[in-house]
Amino acid sequence: MDFSLTSDQEAILDAVRKICARFGDDYWLEKDAEGGFPDDFHRAFADDGWLGIAMPQDYGGAGLGVTEAALMMQAIAESGAGMSGASALHMNIFGLNPVVVFGTEEQKRRMLPPLIAGNDKACFAVTEPNVGLDTLKLKTKAVKQGDRYVLSGQKIWISTAQVASKMLILARTTPLDEVGSRTQGLSLFYTDLDRTFVDVREIPKMGRKAVDSNELFIDGLPVPAADRIGEEGRGFEYILHGMNPERILIGAEGIGIGRVAIRKAAAYAKERIVFDRPIGENQGIQHPLAACWMQLEAANLMAMKAASLYDKGLPCAVEANAAKYLAGEAAFNACETALMTHGGMGYAKEFHVERYLRESFVVRIAPITPHLILSFIAERALGLPKSY
């Protein structure tokens, strides 16, 4: 059991940090104030080939594992880019895993290279307003008409839809009351986000202004049958292949944002003089920061364990969900503690920690709440009866 990074992984971190250094605190402070997708940041990673870090080399990717992707996303968040920077790339890293696993050769060659090159941006359209996390009851319909499907329905909390040219969308092709199993009858499509048929409305929110969240109103969107991924009716099964990597990545990102918050708090505590001594000499400042550091490092071990299991092709759902939960809680505690360490100045935007605190809620809420993870762990790790 080796907890050290390989020389290749160290090189990845070094290269990623060099890109992030070009987009400092002032850049993200401006994005937080004014919004607007960080196109230049996204382009920088695309130009250096990082958007395909975990995709096959045959289609322009680097062919590396989720472990390397998690290290990259963690470094991005830890640079001070936080969830704004991580979420700008997040979907491109894991989202098309169902295409990689279940797509035809033609689909892979058509769909993957433009995403890896940064020419396409994709959004992930699953969640619906009146369904929430009960995905099997989603109401967006896809009706087969000849060599195409016609999609209609609503989606909500769809990130990057303002700038996306493509979307990976789950829709019902067979009514729920006509399937033998609740997991059947849903189909997965990767297709153009044609705004002639899709009304994209941005949702104002408390943080991560640089990466939009949206509600989609889909009215008669024509989708070629060639854009359906895998077999009709097995879409739910296919999206499960992207869920564990997503939880691992968002956990890694949470650890990154927690680390940068603690780093800024420790630096401030060494510089801030009160009663003729730096506040960092006080155990009332030291102990909360030390506890946060330990929580983050423990969460990181679980995230890296989950990533290692995934890359070896071993079951990792329990570990991936645990990593996401632990990272979300640790990130929030770290960001809150960092703000409180700054005292009144922590409430000021110029010190950045209030932005980290607002963005840390993303790690706790998305893509699944801590409450459902606790239920999942109780069932899968402890063998308790299903509660939902």
Protein backbone atom coordinates (compact mmCIF):
# COMPACT_ATOMS: atom_id res chain seq x y z
CA MET A 1 0.00 0.00 0.00
CA ASP A 2 1.72 3.15 -1.26
CA PHE A 3 0.33 6.62 -0.48
CA SER A 4 2.98 8.52 -2.43
CA LEU A 5 2.42 10.05 -5.85
CA THR A 6 4.27 8.75 -8.88
CA SER A 7 6.65 10.98 -10.79
CA ASP A 8 4.07 11.21 -13.59
CA GLN A 9 1.38 12.31 -11.16
CA GLU A 10 3.73 14.92 -9.70
CA ALA A 11 4.37 16.18 -13.22
CA ILE A 12 0.63 16.46 -13.85
CA LEU A 13 0.20 18.55 -10.71
CA ASP A 14 3.11 20.78 -11.66
CA ALA A 15 1.71 21.41 -15.15
CA VAL A 16 -1.81 22.07 -13.87
CA ARG A 17 -0.58 24.48 -11.20
CA LYS A 18 1.36 26.43 -13.82
CA ILE A 19 -1.83 26.96 -15.83
CA CYS A 20 -3.78 27.93 -12.73
CA ALA A 21 -1.10 30.46 -11.77
CA ARG A 22 -2.12 32.49 -14.84
CA PHE A 23 -5.60 32.88 -13.33
CA GLY A 24 -5.05 34.30 -9.88
CA ASP A 25 -7.29 35.53 -7.09
CA ASP A 26 -8.14 38.79 -8.88
CA TYR A 27 -9.40 36.85 -11.91
CA TRP A 28 -11.80 34.76 -9.83
CA LEU A 29 -12.86 37.73 -7.72
CA GLU A 30 -13.90 39.51 -10.91
CA LYS A 31 -15.71 36.42 -12.20
CA ASP A 32 -17.54 36.12 -8.90
CA ALA A 33 -18.68 39.73 -9.15
CA GLU A 34 -19.54 39.97 -12.83
CA GLY A 35 -20.22 36.38 -13.89
CA GLY A 36 -19.54 35.11 -17.38
CA PHE A 37 -18.11 31.72 -18.21
CA PRO A 38 -14.29 31.57 -17.83
CA ASP A 39 -13.69 30.82 -21.52
CA ASP A 40 -9.99 31.69 -21.41
CA PHE A 41 -9.47 29.36 -18.44
CA HIS A 42 -11.35 26.56 -20.21
CA ARG A 43 -9.39 27.19 -23.42
CA ALA A 44 -6.05 27.06 -21.58
CA PHE A 45 -6.82 23.55 -20.32
CA ALA A 46 -8.17 22.45 -23.68
CA ASP A 47 -5.09 23.71 -25.53
CA ASP A 48 -2.81 21.70 -23.26
CA GLY A 49 -4.94 18.56 -23.67
CA TRP A 50 -6.21 18.28 -20.11
CA LEU A 51 -9.92 18.02 -20.92
CA GLY A 52 -9.32 14.47 -22.12
CA ILE A 53 -7.18 13.37 -19.19
CA ALA A 54 -9.32 10.28 -18.50
CA MET A 55 -10.46 9.59 -22.07
CA PRO A 56 -8.92 7.06 -24.48
CA GLN A 57 -5.89 8.08 -26.47
CA ASP A 58 -7.51 6.84 -29.69
CA TYR A 59 -9.87 9.83 -29.56
CA GLY A 60 -7.41 12.50 -28.46
CA GLY A 61 -7.41 11.86 -24.72
CA ALA A 62 -4.53 11.14 -22.38
CA GLY A 63 -5.80 7.68 -21.42
CA LEU A 64 -5.13 8.22 -17.71
CA GLY A 65 -7.30 7.23 -14.77
CA VAL A 66 -9.82 8.86 -12.49
CA THR A 67 -7.00 9.10 -9.93
CA GLU A 68 -5.10 11.50 -12.19
CA ALA A 69 -8.31 13.38 -13.03
CA ALA A 70 -9.08 13.76 -9.32
CA LEU A 71 -5.58 15.09 -8.64
CA MET A 72 -5.99 17.61 -11.46
CA MET A 73 -9.41 18.82 -10.30
CA GLN A 74 -8.21 19.04 -6.73
CA ALA A 75 -5.24 21.18 -7.79
CA ILE A 76 -7.55 23.49 -9.75
CA ALA A 77 -9.82 24.09 -6.76
CA GLU A 78 -6.83 24.43 -4.42
CA SER A 79 -5.27 27.10 -6.65
CA GLY A 80 -7.99 29.52 -5.53
CA ALA A 81 -10.21 28.85 -8.54
CA GLY A 82 -12.49 26.94 -6.19
CA MET A 83 -15.67 25.44 -7.56
CA SER A 84 -15.89 28.13 -10.24
CA GLY A 85 -12.75 26.83 -11.89
CA ALA A 86 -13.45 23.17 -11.20
CA SER A 87 -17.05 23.29 -12.44
CA ALA A 88 -15.97 24.98 -15.67
CA LEU A 89 -14.17 21.73 -16.58
CA HIS A 90 -15.97 19.15 -14.44
CA MET A 91 -18.54 17.88 -16.98
CA ASN A 92 -15.92 17.52 -19.71
CA ILE A 93 -13.80 15.27 -17.50
CA PHE A 94 -16.33 12.65 -16.43
CA GLY A 95 -19.59 13.35 -18.24
CA LEU A 96 -19.07 11.41 -21.45
CA ASN A 97 -17.94 8.24 -19.72
CA PRO A 98 -21.17 6.51 -20.91
CA VAL A 99 -20.13 7.33 -24.48
CA VAL A 100 -16.67 5.89 -23.87
CA VAL A 101 -18.13 2.70 -22.36
CA PHE A 102 -21.30 2.16 -24.41
CA GLY A 103 -20.97 4.31 -27.53
CA THR A 104 -20.33 2.88 -30.97
CA GLU A 105 -16.99 3.45 -32.67
CA GLU A 106 -18.67 6.01 -34.94
CA GLN A 107 -20.12 7.86 -31.95
CA LYS A 108 -16.82 7.95 -30.09
CA ARG A 109 -14.99 9.38 -33.10
CA ARG A 110 -17.73 11.92 -33.71
CA MET A 111 -18.43 12.98 -30.12
CA LEU A 112 -15.23 12.75 -28.09
CA PRO A 113 -12.53 14.67 -30.06
CA PRO A 114 -14.49 17.98 -30.25
CA LEU A 115 -15.11 17.86 -26.49
CA ILE A 116 -11.49 17.07 -25.69
CA ALA A 117 -10.31 19.86 -28.02
CA GLY A 118 -12.60 22.35 -26.29
CA ASN A 119 -14.60 23.03 -29.46
CA ASP A 120 -17.72 21.55 -27.85
CA LYS A 121 -18.94 22.27 -24.34
CA ALA A 122 -21.40 19.81 -22.86
CA CYS A 123 -24.02 19.92 -20.12
CA PHE A 124 -25.56 17.01 -18.21
CA ALA A 125 -29.38 17.11 -18.28
CA VAL A 126 -30.90 14.61 -15.86
CA THR A 127 -32.48 16.37 -12.86
CA GLU A 128 -36.08 17.59 -13.16
CA PRO A 129 -38.10 20.12 -11.13
CA ASN A 130 -40.69 17.73 -9.70
CA VAL A 131 -38.55 14.61 -9.48
CA GLY A 132 -35.33 15.63 -7.75
CA LEU A 133 -33.11 12.64 -7.09
CA ASP A 134 -35.87 10.13 -7.83
CA THR A 135 -34.46 9.78 -11.35
CA LEU A 136 -36.56 6.76 -12.27
CA LYS A 137 -39.67 8.95 -12.23
CA LEU A 138 -38.40 11.61 -14.61
CA LYS A 139 -41.00 12.90 -17.03
CA THR A 140 -39.05 14.20 -20.03
CA LYS A 141 -40.25 12.11 -22.97
CA ALA A 142 -38.49 10.95 -26.13
CA VAL A 143 -40.95 9.73 -28.79
CA LYS A 144 -39.54 7.71 -31.70
CA GLN A 145 -40.54 9.06 -35.12
CA GLY A 146 -38.77 7.27 -37.93
CA ASP A 147 -35.03 7.80 -37.70
CA ARG A 148 -35.26 10.36 -34.94
CA TYR A 149 -36.70 10.99 -31.50
CA VAL A 150 -38.68 14.06 -30.43
CA LEU A 151 -37.93 15.22 -26.88
CA SER A 152 -40.15 17.33 -24.63
CA GLY A 153 -39.96 18.14 -20.93
CA GLN A 154 -38.11 20.14 -18.28
CA LYS A 155 -34.71 19.87 -16.64
CA ILE A 156 -33.32 21.91 -13.75
CA TRP A 157 -29.95 22.75 -12.20
CA ILE A 158 -28.18 22.11 -15.48
CA SER A 159 -24.68 23.60 -15.27
CA THR A 160 -23.05 25.40 -18.23
CA ALA A 161 -26.19 25.25 -20.41
CA GLN A 162 -25.74 28.95 -21.24
CA VAL A 163 -22.52 28.13 -23.10
CA ALA A 164 -22.98 24.46 -23.98
CA SER A 165 -23.32 23.31 -27.56
CA LYS A 166 -24.09 19.71 -26.58
CA MET A 167 -26.03 17.94 -23.87
CA LEU A 168 -26.09 14.45 -22.44
CA ILE A 169 -29.77 13.98 -21.65
CA LEU A 170 -31.80 11.20 -20.08
CA ALA A 171 -35.40 10.84 -21.25
CA ARG A 172 -38.21 8.32 -20.99
CA THR A 173 -38.82 6.30 -24.15
CA THR A 174 -41.27 3.85 -22.56
CA PRO A 175 -43.91 4.94 -20.00
CA LEU A 176 -43.15 3.88 -16.43
CA ASP A 177 -46.35 1.84 -16.16
CA GLU A 178 -45.35 -0.21 -19.23
CA VAL A 179 -41.93 -1.45 -18.08
CA GLY A 180 -41.15 -4.59 -16.14
CA SER A 181 -38.61 -2.86 -13.91
CA ARG A 182 -38.43 0.76 -12.70
CA THR A 183 -34.90 1.00 -14.08
CA GLN A 184 -36.09 0.27 -17.63
CA GLY A 185 -37.59 2.60 -20.21
CA LEU A 186 -35.11 5.47 -19.91
CA SER A 187 -32.78 6.25 -22.82
CA LEU A 188 -29.61 8.30 -23.00
CA PHE A 189 -28.79 10.77 -25.79
CA TYR A 190 -25.80 12.98 -26.55
CA THR A 191 -27.01 15.60 -28.96
CA ASP A 192 -27.02 19.24 -30.00
CA LEU A 193 -28.47 21.74 -27.55
CA ASP A 194 -30.62 23.40 -30.21
CA ARG A 195 -32.00 26.61 -28.70
CA THR A 196 -34.72 26.70 -31.33
CA PHE A 197 -36.39 23.95 -29.29
CA VAL A 198 -34.78 24.47 -25.87
CA ASP A 199 -35.42 27.56 -23.74
CA VAL A 200 -32.46 27.96 -21.35
CA ARG A 201 -33.17 30.12 -18.31
CA GLU A 202 -30.39 30.89 -15.85
CA ILE A 203 -31.05 30.49 -12.11
CA PRO A 204 -29.62 33.28 -9.92
CA LYS A 205 -27.74 31.64 -7.03
CA MET A 206 -25.57 32.38 -4.02
CA GLY A 207 -22.20 31.36 -5.44
CA ARG A 208 -20.20 30.09 -8.41
CA LYS A 209 -21.50 32.91 -10.59
CA ALA A 210 -18.95 32.18 -13.31
CA VAL A 211 -20.56 28.80 -14.02
CA ASP A 212 -24.24 29.13 -14.81
CA SER A 213 -27.01 26.88 -13.51
CA ASN A 214 -30.20 26.66 -15.53
CA GLU A 215 -33.68 25.37 -16.06
CA LEU A 216 -34.34 23.89 -19.52
CA PHE A 217 -37.75 23.92 -21.20
CA ILE A 218 -37.63 21.41 -24.07
CA ASP A 219 -40.38 21.55 -26.68
CA GLY A 220 -40.20 19.12 -29.59
CA LEU A 221 -36.42 18.83 -29.81
CA PRO A 222 -35.56 16.54 -32.77
CA VAL A 223 -32.75 14.12 -31.92
CA PRO A 224 -31.29 11.74 -34.52
CA ALA A 225 -31.48 8.09 -33.53
CA ALA A 226 -27.73 8.04 -34.19
CA ASP A 227 -27.33 10.25 -31.09
CA ARG A 228 -28.82 7.61 -28.77
CA ILE A 229 -26.14 6.01 -26.62
CA GLY A 230 -26.47 2.24 -26.35
CA GLU A 231 -29.77 0.42 -26.41
CA GLU A 232 -33.14 2.07 -26.05
CA GLY A 233 -34.50 1.77 -22.52
CA ARG A 234 -31.15 1.16 -20.78
CA GLY A 235 -30.12 4.77 -20.22
CA PHE A 236 -30.37 4.64 -16.43
CA GLU A 237 -27.94 1.73 -16.37
CA TYR A 238 -25.56 3.73 -18.55
CA ILE A 239 -25.51 6.92 -16.48
CA LEU A 240 -24.56 4.88 -13.41
CA HIS A 241 -21.15 4.45 -15.03
CA GLY A 242 -20.57 8.19 -14.66
CA MET A 243 -21.84 8.56 -11.11
CA ASN A 244 -18.95 7.07 -9.15
CA PRO A 245 -16.31 9.10 -11.04
CA GLU A 246 -18.41 12.23 -10.53
CA ARG A 247 -18.58 11.69 -6.78
CA ILE A 248 -14.84 11.08 -6.63
CA LEU A 249 -14.07 14.21 -8.63
CA ILE A 250 -16.37 16.51 -6.69
CA GLY A 251 -14.94 15.12 -3.46
CA ALA A 252 -11.43 15.92 -4.67
CA GLU A 253 -12.56 19.41 -5.62
CA GLY A 254 -14.04 19.94 -2.15
CA ILE A 255 -10.77 18.94 -0.55
CA GLY A 256 -9.02 21.46 -2.80
CA ILE A 257 -11.25 24.36 -1.85
CA GLY A 258 -10.96 23.43 1.82
CA ARG A 259 -7.18 23.39 1.58
CA VAL A 260 -6.91 26.82 0.00
CA ALA A 261 -9.26 28.23 2.64
CA ILE A 262 -7.15 26.81 5.47
CA ARG A 263 -3.95 28.02 3.80
CA LYS A 264 -5.26 31.58 3.57
CA ALA A 265 -6.52 31.43 7.16
CA ALA A 266 -3.16 30.22 8.47
CA ALA A 267 -1.34 32.97 6.58
CA TYR A 268 -3.72 35.60 7.96
CA ALA A 269 -3.35 34.21 11.49
CA LYS A 270 0.42 34.67 11.30
CA GLU A 271 0.11 38.28 10.11
CA ARG A 272 -2.83 39.62 12.08
CA ILE A 273 -1.62 41.27 15.29
CA VAL A 274 -4.05 41.71 18.20
CA PHE A 275 -2.95 42.54 21.76
CA ASP A 276 0.64 42.75 20.51
CA ARG A 277 0.79 39.17 19.22
CA PRO A 278 -0.24 37.31 16.09
CA ILE A 279 -3.62 35.66 16.57
CA GLY A 280 -2.07 32.42 15.33
CA GLU A 281 -0.36 32.04 18.70
CA ASN A 282 -3.75 31.47 20.32
CA GLN A 283 -4.94 27.90 20.65
CA GLY A 284 -8.48 29.12 20.02
CA ILE A 285 -7.29 29.89 16.47
CA GLN A 286 -4.84 27.01 16.10
CA HIS A 287 -7.04 24.11 17.17
CA PRO A 288 -9.99 24.65 14.78
CA LEU A 289 -7.60 25.08 11.85
CA ALA A 290 -5.66 21.96 12.84
CA ALA A 291 -8.88 19.95 13.13
CA CYS A 292 -9.96 21.12 9.67
CA TRP A 293 -6.61 20.12 8.20
CA MET A 294 -7.00 16.61 9.61
CA GLN A 295 -10.58 16.29 8.35
CA LEU A 296 -9.51 17.30 4.85
CA GLU A 297 -6.59 14.89 4.76
CA ALA A 298 -8.76 12.01 6.00
CA ALA A 299 -11.35 12.78 3.32
CA ASN A 300 -8.57 12.86 0.76
CA LEU A 301 -7.48 9.34 1.68
CA MET A 302 -11.01 8.07 1.07
CA ALA A 303 -11.24 9.93 -2.25
CA MET A 304 -7.94 8.49 -3.46
CA LYS A 305 -8.97 5.00 -2.29
CA ALA A 306 -12.20 5.29 -4.27
CA ALA A 307 -10.31 6.52 -7.34
CA SER A 308 -7.80 3.66 -7.07
CA LEU A 309 -10.59 1.08 -6.82
CA TYR A 310 -12.36 2.58 -9.83
CA ASP A 311 -9.20 2.57 -11.93
CA LYS A 312 -8.66 -1.10 -11.07
CA GLY A 313 -12.19 -1.96 -12.18
CA LEU A 314 -13.25 -2.88 -8.64
CA PRO A 315 -16.53 -1.97 -6.88
CA CYS A 316 -16.24 1.51 -5.38
CA ALA A 317 -19.75 2.90 -4.89
CA VAL A 318 -19.51 2.89 -1.10
CA GLU A 319 -16.08 4.51 -1.12
CA ALA A 320 -17.01 7.07 -3.81
CA ASN A 321 -20.10 8.17 -1.91
CA ALA A 322 -18.23 8.23 1.39
CA ALA A 323 -15.50 10.35 -0.19
CA LYS A 324 -18.03 12.84 -1.51
CA TYR A 325 -19.76 13.06 1.88
CA LEU A 326 -16.58 13.42 3.91
CA ALA A 327 -15.10 15.95 1.51
CA GLY A 328 -18.29 18.02 1.49
CA GLU A 329 -18.44 18.23 5.27
CA ALA A 330 -14.70 18.85 5.61
CA ALA A 331 -14.73 21.55 2.94
CA PHE A 332 -17.63 23.39 4.55
CA ASN A 333 -16.02 23.23 8.01
CA ALA A 334 -12.70 24.43 6.63
CA CYS A 335 -14.22 27.35 4.75
CA GLU A 336 -16.36 28.41 7.70
CA THR A 337 -13.37 28.19 10.03
CA ALA A 338 -11.23 30.18 7.59
CA LEU A 339 -13.83 32.93 7.47
CA MET A 340 -14.11 33.04 11.27
CA THR A 341 -10.32 33.13 11.58
CA HIS A 342 -10.37 36.34 9.55
CA GLY A 343 -13.00 37.81 11.85
CA GLY A 344 -14.82 40.75 10.29
CA MET A 345 -12.43 40.79 7.35
CA GLY A 346 -13.55 37.29 6.46
CA TYR A 347 -16.85 38.85 5.42
CA ALA A 348 -15.03 41.08 2.93
CA LYS A 349 -14.74 39.80 -0.63
CA GLU A 350 -11.14 40.95 -0.99
CA PHE A 351 -9.97 38.15 1.33
CA HIS A 352 -11.69 35.47 -0.79
CA VAL A 353 -12.68 33.13 2.05
CA GLU A 354 -16.34 34.22 1.95
CA ARG A 355 -16.41 33.11 -1.70
CA TYR A 356 -14.95 29.75 -0.77
CA LEU A 357 -17.63 29.31 1.91
CA ARG A 358 -20.43 30.06 -0.56
CA GLU A 359 -18.96 27.71 -3.14
CA SER A 360 -18.39 24.93 -0.60
CA PHE A 361 -22.16 24.37 -0.48
CA VAL A 362 -21.93 22.97 -4.02
CA VAL A 363 -19.83 20.08 -2.73
CA ARG A 364 -22.38 19.28 -0.03
CA ILE A 365 -25.50 19.55 -2.20
CA ALA A 366 -24.47 18.28 -5.64
CA PRO A 367 -24.91 15.87 -7.25
CA ILE A 368 -26.50 14.16 -4.24
CA THR A 369 -27.27 15.44 -0.74
CA PRO A 370 -25.47 14.20 2.37
CA HIS A 371 -28.75 12.74 3.66
CA LEU A 372 -29.11 10.34 0.74
CA ILE A 373 -25.46 9.34 1.01
CA LEU A 374 -26.00 8.46 4.68
CA SER A 375 -28.98 6.32 3.68
CA PHE A 376 -26.93 4.67 0.93
CA ILE A 377 -24.04 3.89 3.29
CA ALA A 378 -26.44 2.52 5.91
CA GLU A 379 -27.90 0.16 3.31
CA ARG A 380 -24.78 -0.84 1.37
CA ALA A 381 -22.08 -0.80 4.06
CA LEU A 382 -24.14 -1.80 7.11
CA GLY A 383 -26.80 -3.98 5.53
CA LEU A 384 -29.70 -1.99 6.95
CA PRO A 385 -33.11 -1.92 5.19
CA LYS A 386 -33.57 0.58 2.36
CA SER A 387 -35.23 3.73 3.72
CA TYR A 388 -36.22 5.50 0.53
